[in-house]
Amino acid sequence: MGLLIEGVWDADATMIPLEAGRFVREPAKFRGTVTADGASGFAAEPGRYHLYVAYHCPWAWRTILYRRLKRLESVISMTVAIPNDRHEGWIFGDYPGGCAPDEVNGFTHLHQAYTAAMPRYSGTVSVPVLWDKRTRTIVNNESSEIIRMLNSAFDAFTDAREDYYPEALRAEIDLVNQRVYDGVNNGVYRVGLARSQAAYDEAFDLLFDTLDWLDARLAHQRYLVGERITEADWRLLASLLRFDLVYHALFKCNQRSIASYPQLSNYLRDLYQVPGVAETVNVPHFVRGYYSIPHVNPNGIIPRGPKYYEAWLASPHDRTRFARSAA
């Protein structure tokens, strides 16, 4: 899928880090922080920051979701990448479903943002990217950190004050997040990108052990950390939305579908039906974006279905049997 090597794009270079056939995710390299008071060097200001994202990428989608939930559309601008084969990396331009040319920097390729920020950058070029228009650099490309910034740093510029990382619940949220990341968020990639049977089997077992644990946990409470929606729920939702569409078949995560889990399937629909969420879910991009990746789908055939999926997501769920507290 291409790499930057000393600031030069190499479309034929690939890097899927492996340990004994196990996929290992490369850490994000830009780790700046936007704060309300600017003590970090990046002050929260309306119109200063820009997001480069893709709808089908679950990591980038987290930031799209938070931007919508926190009603920051007029505060932070956004450019959506085309769901392509990424031979030239993430690219920008006109494409159905919300893609348009980059009007902030005129970048046609995301790797241009990376070399603008670090001219001799080497490594993968990933979304999301939080860009600072003032200093013309990348603030951060780690989604888990960007959503924390969107959660609270920009509260002075929005009336959406829901706190998805409340201090009293942070320890439990962090524990749940870690287990979900290991078993599901990153777990589906460890299954789908495994390069040995042993690595696949190990990741497959962890994935479905984690899904079984989640389904059991949700039998006793509406959300992952009790009676209110938290960051833990939104982080899991990114993977659940894509599971039956993509991971089940393309990534060989085929022991069970999410639709077959009584708690998880209703929980998925519950979260999808929170106002604002459905507007960020682009099913055609989800499917095309994943099935366009040559090393997991070498024939490049894009599945046509399922047409029922969005209707199923919008169908009634049973989660109202639990109490729901205000944020």
Protein backbone atom coordinates (compact mmCIF):
# COMPACT_ATOMS: atom_id res chain seq x y z
CA MET A 1 0.00 0.00 0.00
CA GLY A 2 3.03 2.24 -0.24
CA LEU A 3 5.30 3.98 2.24
CA LEU A 4 7.21 7.18 2.70
CA ILE A 5 10.94 6.53 2.75
CA GLU A 6 13.06 9.53 3.74
CA GLY A 7 10.26 11.79 2.56
CA VAL A 8 9.78 10.10 -0.83
CA TRP A 9 6.65 8.10 -1.62
CA ASP A 10 7.34 4.53 -2.75
CA ALA A 11 4.12 3.03 -4.08
CA ASP A 12 5.60 -0.46 -4.24
CA ALA A 13 6.95 -0.55 -0.70
CA THR A 14 4.91 -2.39 1.91
CA MET A 15 5.31 -2.74 5.63
CA ILE A 16 3.14 -5.10 7.63
CA PRO A 17 5.15 -5.58 10.85
CA LEU A 18 5.20 -9.22 11.87
CA GLU A 19 6.43 -11.27 14.80
CA ALA A 20 6.24 -15.02 14.13
CA GLY A 21 3.48 -14.34 11.61
CA ARG A 22 1.60 -12.04 13.98
CA PHE A 23 0.55 -8.59 12.79
CA VAL A 24 2.01 -5.82 14.97
CA ARG A 25 0.62 -2.31 14.62
CA GLU A 26 3.12 0.48 14.05
CA PRO A 27 2.84 3.20 16.74
CA ALA A 28 1.71 6.67 15.69
CA LYS A 29 4.58 9.14 15.42
CA PHE A 30 2.87 12.51 15.92
CA ARG A 31 1.69 12.86 19.51
CA GLY A 32 1.04 16.56 20.16
CA THR A 33 -1.97 17.65 22.21
CA VAL A 34 -4.52 20.42 21.82
CA THR A 35 -5.57 21.89 25.17
CA ALA A 36 -8.11 24.47 26.17
CA ASP A 37 -5.48 26.71 27.77
CA GLY A 38 -2.82 26.23 25.11
CA ALA A 39 -0.19 25.11 27.63
CA SER A 40 0.67 22.22 25.30
CA GLY A 41 1.68 24.59 22.53
CA PHE A 42 -1.55 23.93 20.63
CA ALA A 43 -4.45 26.01 21.91
CA ALA A 44 -8.05 25.05 21.17
CA GLU A 45 -9.33 27.71 18.78
CA PRO A 46 -12.21 27.68 16.28
CA GLY A 47 -11.05 27.36 12.68
CA ARG A 48 -7.45 26.49 13.53
CA TYR A 49 -7.51 22.70 13.11
CA HIS A 50 -8.37 20.34 10.29
CA LEU A 51 -9.01 16.60 10.19
CA TYR A 52 -7.93 14.30 7.38
CA VAL A 53 -10.03 11.15 7.63
CA ALA A 54 -11.65 8.24 5.79
CA TYR A 55 -15.11 6.88 6.53
CA HIS A 56 -14.15 3.23 6.21
CA CYS A 57 -11.13 3.41 8.53
CA PRO A 58 -12.39 2.60 12.05
CA TRP A 59 -9.63 4.63 13.69
CA ALA A 60 -10.39 7.72 11.61
CA TRP A 61 -14.13 7.16 11.99
CA ARG A 62 -13.79 7.61 15.75
CA THR A 63 -12.74 11.21 15.15
CA ILE A 64 -15.52 11.80 12.60
CA LEU A 65 -18.00 10.54 15.18
CA TYR A 66 -16.67 12.73 18.00
CA ARG A 67 -16.66 15.79 15.75
CA ARG A 68 -20.35 15.13 15.05
CA LEU A 69 -21.39 14.23 18.61
CA LYS A 70 -19.63 17.27 20.07
CA ARG A 71 -21.08 19.47 17.30
CA LEU A 72 -17.68 20.74 16.24
CA GLU A 73 -18.34 20.87 12.48
CA SER A 74 -18.03 24.66 12.41
CA VAL A 75 -14.97 24.58 14.68
CA ILE A 76 -12.82 21.89 13.02
CA SER A 77 -12.86 21.44 9.24
CA MET A 78 -12.50 18.03 7.60
CA THR A 79 -11.41 16.36 4.36
CA VAL A 80 -12.48 12.78 3.58
CA ALA A 81 -10.23 10.45 1.59
CA ILE A 82 -11.49 8.36 -1.31
CA PRO A 83 -11.98 4.63 -0.55
CA ASN A 84 -9.38 3.41 -3.06
CA ASP A 85 -6.75 0.69 -3.32
CA ARG A 86 -4.18 3.02 -1.64
CA HIS A 87 -1.46 2.27 -4.16
CA GLU A 88 -0.79 5.99 -4.00
CA GLY A 89 -1.81 6.15 -0.36
CA TRP A 90 -4.83 8.06 0.88
CA ILE A 91 -5.96 10.46 -1.85
CA PHE A 92 -8.38 13.37 -1.96
CA GLY A 93 -10.79 14.41 -4.67
CA ASP A 94 -14.40 14.24 -5.77
CA TYR A 95 -16.08 10.93 -5.02
CA PRO A 96 -19.66 10.05 -4.02
CA GLY A 97 -20.44 9.99 -0.32
CA GLY A 98 -18.69 13.07 1.04
CA CYS A 99 -15.27 13.15 -0.62
CA ALA A 100 -14.01 16.41 -2.10
CA PRO A 101 -10.67 18.07 -2.86
CA ASP A 102 -8.65 19.35 0.08
CA GLU A 103 -9.54 23.04 0.36
CA VAL A 104 -7.17 23.76 3.25
CA ASN A 105 -3.78 22.84 1.80
CA GLY A 106 -4.57 21.63 -1.67
CA PHE A 107 -3.05 18.25 -0.90
CA THR A 108 -3.99 15.54 -3.39
CA HIS A 109 -2.33 12.81 -1.29
CA LEU A 110 -2.14 12.47 2.49
CA HIS A 111 1.57 11.76 2.36
CA GLN A 112 2.01 15.42 1.38
CA ALA A 113 0.80 16.38 4.85
CA TYR A 114 3.34 14.05 6.45
CA THR A 115 6.26 15.46 4.50
CA ALA A 116 5.05 19.02 5.10
CA ALA A 117 5.24 18.28 8.82
CA MET A 118 8.42 16.16 8.66
CA PRO A 119 10.30 16.41 5.33
CA ARG A 120 12.33 13.21 5.83
CA TYR A 121 9.51 11.15 7.34
CA SER A 122 9.76 7.39 6.90
CA GLY A 123 6.94 4.96 7.63
CA THR A 124 3.27 4.37 7.02
CA VAL A 125 0.89 7.20 6.20
CA SER A 126 -2.33 6.75 8.14
CA VAL A 127 -5.58 8.51 8.97
CA PRO A 128 -6.75 10.25 11.06
CA VAL A 129 -4.51 13.29 10.98
CA LEU A 130 -5.19 16.36 13.09
CA TRP A 131 -3.56 19.27 11.24
CA ASP A 132 -2.73 22.72 12.62
CA LYS A 133 -3.39 25.36 9.96
CA ARG A 134 -1.45 28.01 11.87
CA THR A 135 1.89 26.21 12.21
CA ARG A 136 1.31 23.97 9.17
CA THR A 137 2.13 20.77 10.92
CA ILE A 138 0.53 17.55 12.10
CA VAL A 139 -0.50 17.77 15.74
CA ASN A 140 -1.43 14.12 16.17
CA ASN A 141 -2.20 10.97 14.17
CA GLU A 142 -3.27 8.70 17.05
CA SER A 143 -7.06 8.40 17.10
CA SER A 144 -7.37 7.48 20.77
CA GLU A 145 -5.65 10.74 21.69
CA ILE A 146 -7.50 12.89 19.16
CA ILE A 147 -10.91 11.83 20.48
CA ARG A 148 -9.84 12.80 24.00
CA MET A 149 -9.04 16.28 22.68
CA LEU A 150 -12.38 16.51 20.88
CA ASN A 151 -14.14 15.30 24.02
CA SER A 152 -13.22 18.30 26.15
CA ALA A 153 -10.61 20.72 24.78
CA PHE A 154 -13.08 22.55 22.53
CA ASP A 155 -15.98 22.78 24.99
CA ALA A 156 -15.82 26.60 24.95
CA PHE A 157 -16.95 26.53 21.32
CA THR A 158 -19.86 24.08 21.49
CA ASP A 159 -23.01 23.56 23.53
CA ALA A 160 -22.54 19.77 23.38
CA ARG A 161 -20.96 19.20 26.77
CA GLU A 162 -21.34 15.43 27.12
CA ASP A 163 -18.21 14.03 28.74
CA TYR A 164 -17.41 10.58 27.39
CA TYR A 165 -14.35 10.21 29.62
CA PRO A 166 -15.62 11.27 33.06
CA GLU A 167 -12.99 11.31 35.76
CA ALA A 168 -14.89 9.01 38.10
CA LEU A 169 -15.04 6.26 35.46
CA ARG A 170 -11.63 6.64 33.83
CA ALA A 171 -9.96 3.68 35.50
CA GLU A 172 -12.71 1.29 34.41
CA ILE A 173 -12.94 2.83 30.93
CA ASP A 174 -9.20 2.35 30.49
CA LEU A 175 -9.40 -1.31 31.52
CA VAL A 176 -12.29 -2.02 29.16
CA ASN A 177 -10.59 -0.09 26.35
CA GLN A 178 -7.43 -2.17 26.66
CA ARG A 179 -9.27 -5.46 26.53
CA VAL A 180 -11.41 -4.33 23.59
CA TYR A 181 -8.39 -2.97 21.73
CA ASP A 182 -6.40 -6.18 22.16
CA GLY A 183 -9.25 -8.53 21.38
CA VAL A 184 -11.46 -6.64 18.92
CA ASN A 185 -10.28 -3.24 17.60
CA ASN A 186 -6.80 -4.47 16.77
CA GLY A 187 -7.81 -8.11 17.13
CA VAL A 188 -9.66 -8.26 13.81
CA TYR A 189 -6.51 -7.03 12.06
CA ARG A 190 -4.40 -9.63 13.86
CA VAL A 191 -6.79 -12.24 12.47
CA GLY A 192 -7.11 -10.82 8.97
CA LEU A 193 -3.44 -9.97 8.48
CA ALA A 194 -1.93 -13.06 10.14
CA ARG A 195 0.79 -14.76 8.11
CA SER A 196 0.82 -18.12 9.83
CA GLN A 197 -1.86 -20.58 10.93
CA ALA A 198 -0.69 -20.40 14.54
CA ALA A 199 -0.88 -16.60 14.57
CA TYR A 200 -4.33 -16.72 12.98
CA ASP A 201 -5.64 -19.30 15.45
CA GLU A 202 -4.30 -17.36 18.42
CA ALA A 203 -5.86 -14.08 17.28
CA PHE A 204 -9.12 -15.78 16.25
CA ASP A 205 -9.57 -17.34 19.69
CA LEU A 206 -8.83 -14.05 21.46
CA LEU A 207 -11.30 -12.19 19.23
CA PHE A 208 -14.21 -14.49 19.92
CA ASP A 209 -13.35 -14.92 23.60
CA THR A 210 -13.53 -11.12 23.84
CA LEU A 211 -16.82 -10.91 21.95
CA ASP A 212 -18.28 -13.59 24.24
CA TRP A 213 -17.10 -11.59 27.26
CA LEU A 214 -18.66 -8.41 25.89
CA ASP A 215 -21.96 -10.12 25.17
CA ALA A 216 -22.07 -11.51 28.71
CA ARG A 217 -21.17 -8.12 30.21
CA LEU A 218 -23.93 -6.40 28.26
CA ALA A 219 -26.52 -8.85 29.58
CA HIS A 220 -26.41 -6.98 32.89
CA GLN A 221 -25.98 -3.34 31.91
CA ARG A 222 -26.87 -1.12 29.00
CA TYR A 223 -23.36 0.13 28.24
CA LEU A 224 -19.82 -1.13 28.78
CA VAL A 225 -19.22 0.97 31.89
CA GLY A 226 -22.68 1.06 33.41
CA GLU A 227 -25.66 3.26 32.74
CA ARG A 228 -24.12 5.95 30.55
CA ILE A 229 -22.37 6.02 27.21
CA THR A 230 -18.62 6.48 27.50
CA GLU A 231 -15.58 6.47 25.27
CA ALA A 232 -15.41 2.70 25.69
CA ASP A 233 -18.71 2.29 23.83
CA TRP A 234 -17.72 4.52 20.92
CA ARG A 235 -14.38 2.76 20.53
CA LEU A 236 -16.08 -0.65 20.37
CA LEU A 237 -18.82 0.62 18.03
CA ALA A 238 -16.24 1.39 15.33
CA SER A 239 -15.41 -2.32 15.07
CA LEU A 240 -18.94 -3.65 15.51
CA LEU A 241 -20.27 -1.57 12.61
CA ARG A 242 -17.73 -3.10 10.24
CA PHE A 243 -17.74 -6.64 11.55
CA ASP A 244 -20.54 -8.33 9.61
CA LEU A 245 -19.91 -6.17 6.52
CA VAL A 246 -16.18 -6.75 6.27
CA TYR A 247 -14.30 -8.63 8.98
CA HIS A 248 -16.55 -11.71 9.04
CA ALA A 249 -15.70 -12.70 5.46
CA LEU A 250 -12.72 -10.67 4.25
CA PHE A 251 -10.69 -11.04 7.47
CA LYS A 252 -11.84 -14.65 8.09
CA CYS A 253 -13.47 -13.72 11.43
CA ASN A 254 -16.21 -16.21 10.69
CA GLN A 255 -17.02 -18.11 13.88
CA ARG A 256 -20.06 -15.91 14.50
CA SER A 257 -21.59 -12.72 13.16
CA ILE A 258 -22.42 -9.82 15.45
CA ALA A 259 -26.05 -10.24 14.40
CA SER A 260 -26.00 -13.68 16.09
CA TYR A 261 -25.03 -12.26 19.51
CA PRO A 262 -28.21 -11.36 21.43
CA GLN A 263 -26.69 -8.55 23.50
CA LEU A 264 -24.11 -7.17 21.10
CA SER A 265 -26.54 -6.99 18.18
CA ASN A 266 -29.08 -4.98 20.18
CA TYR A 267 -26.32 -2.85 21.73
CA LEU A 268 -24.96 -2.07 18.25
CA ARG A 269 -28.39 -0.87 17.11
CA ASP A 270 -28.84 1.13 20.33
CA LEU A 271 -25.62 3.08 19.75
CA TYR A 272 -26.26 3.51 16.03
CA GLN A 273 -29.59 5.14 16.85
CA VAL A 274 -28.06 7.81 19.11
CA PRO A 275 -28.76 11.13 17.32
CA GLY A 276 -25.93 12.01 14.96
CA VAL A 277 -24.30 8.59 14.72
CA ALA A 278 -26.08 7.29 11.61
CA GLU A 279 -24.98 10.38 9.69
CA THR A 280 -21.34 9.28 10.07
CA VAL A 281 -21.89 5.70 8.87
CA ASN A 282 -21.11 5.32 5.17
CA VAL A 283 -21.74 1.69 4.29
CA PRO A 284 -20.58 1.88 0.62
CA HIS A 285 -17.28 3.40 1.78
CA PHE A 286 -16.93 0.71 4.46
CA VAL A 287 -17.20 -2.06 1.89
CA ARG A 288 -15.25 -0.50 -0.98
CA GLY A 289 -12.47 0.77 1.27
CA TYR A 290 -11.65 -2.65 2.68
CA TYR A 291 -12.27 -4.75 -0.41
CA SER A 292 -10.02 -2.45 -2.45
CA ILE A 293 -6.93 -3.52 -0.47
CA PRO A 294 -4.97 -5.77 -2.89
CA HIS A 295 -3.18 -8.00 -0.38
CA VAL A 296 -6.43 -9.08 1.28
CA ASN A 297 -8.60 -9.07 -1.87
CA PRO A 298 -6.23 -9.56 -4.83
CA ASN A 299 -9.01 -9.91 -7.41
CA GLY A 300 -10.44 -6.53 -6.43
CA ILE A 301 -14.07 -7.64 -6.66
CA ILE A 302 -16.32 -5.41 -4.52
CA PRO A 303 -19.31 -7.20 -2.91
CA ARG A 304 -22.70 -5.74 -3.78
CA GLY A 305 -24.58 -6.48 -0.56
CA PRO A 306 -26.01 -6.45 1.94
CA LYS A 307 -28.67 -3.88 1.10
CA TYR A 308 -30.56 -4.55 4.32
CA TYR A 309 -27.77 -3.52 6.68
CA GLU A 310 -28.71 0.09 7.37
CA ALA A 311 -32.37 -0.85 7.76
CA TRP A 312 -31.35 -3.52 10.28
CA LEU A 313 -29.24 -0.98 12.21
CA ALA A 314 -32.25 1.31 12.42
CA SER A 315 -34.64 -1.45 13.54
CA PRO A 316 -35.92 -1.67 17.14
CA HIS A 317 -33.62 -2.91 19.90
CA ASP A 318 -34.25 -4.12 23.45
CA ARG A 319 -31.70 -2.04 25.37
CA THR A 320 -34.29 0.27 26.88
CA ARG A 321 -34.94 -2.47 29.41
CA PHE A 322 -31.91 -1.03 31.22
CA ALA A 323 -31.79 2.38 32.83
CA ARG A 324 -29.87 5.10 31.01
CA SER A 325 -28.39 7.97 32.96
CA ALA A 326 -27.71 11.45 31.67
CA ALA A 327 -24.14 12.26 30.72
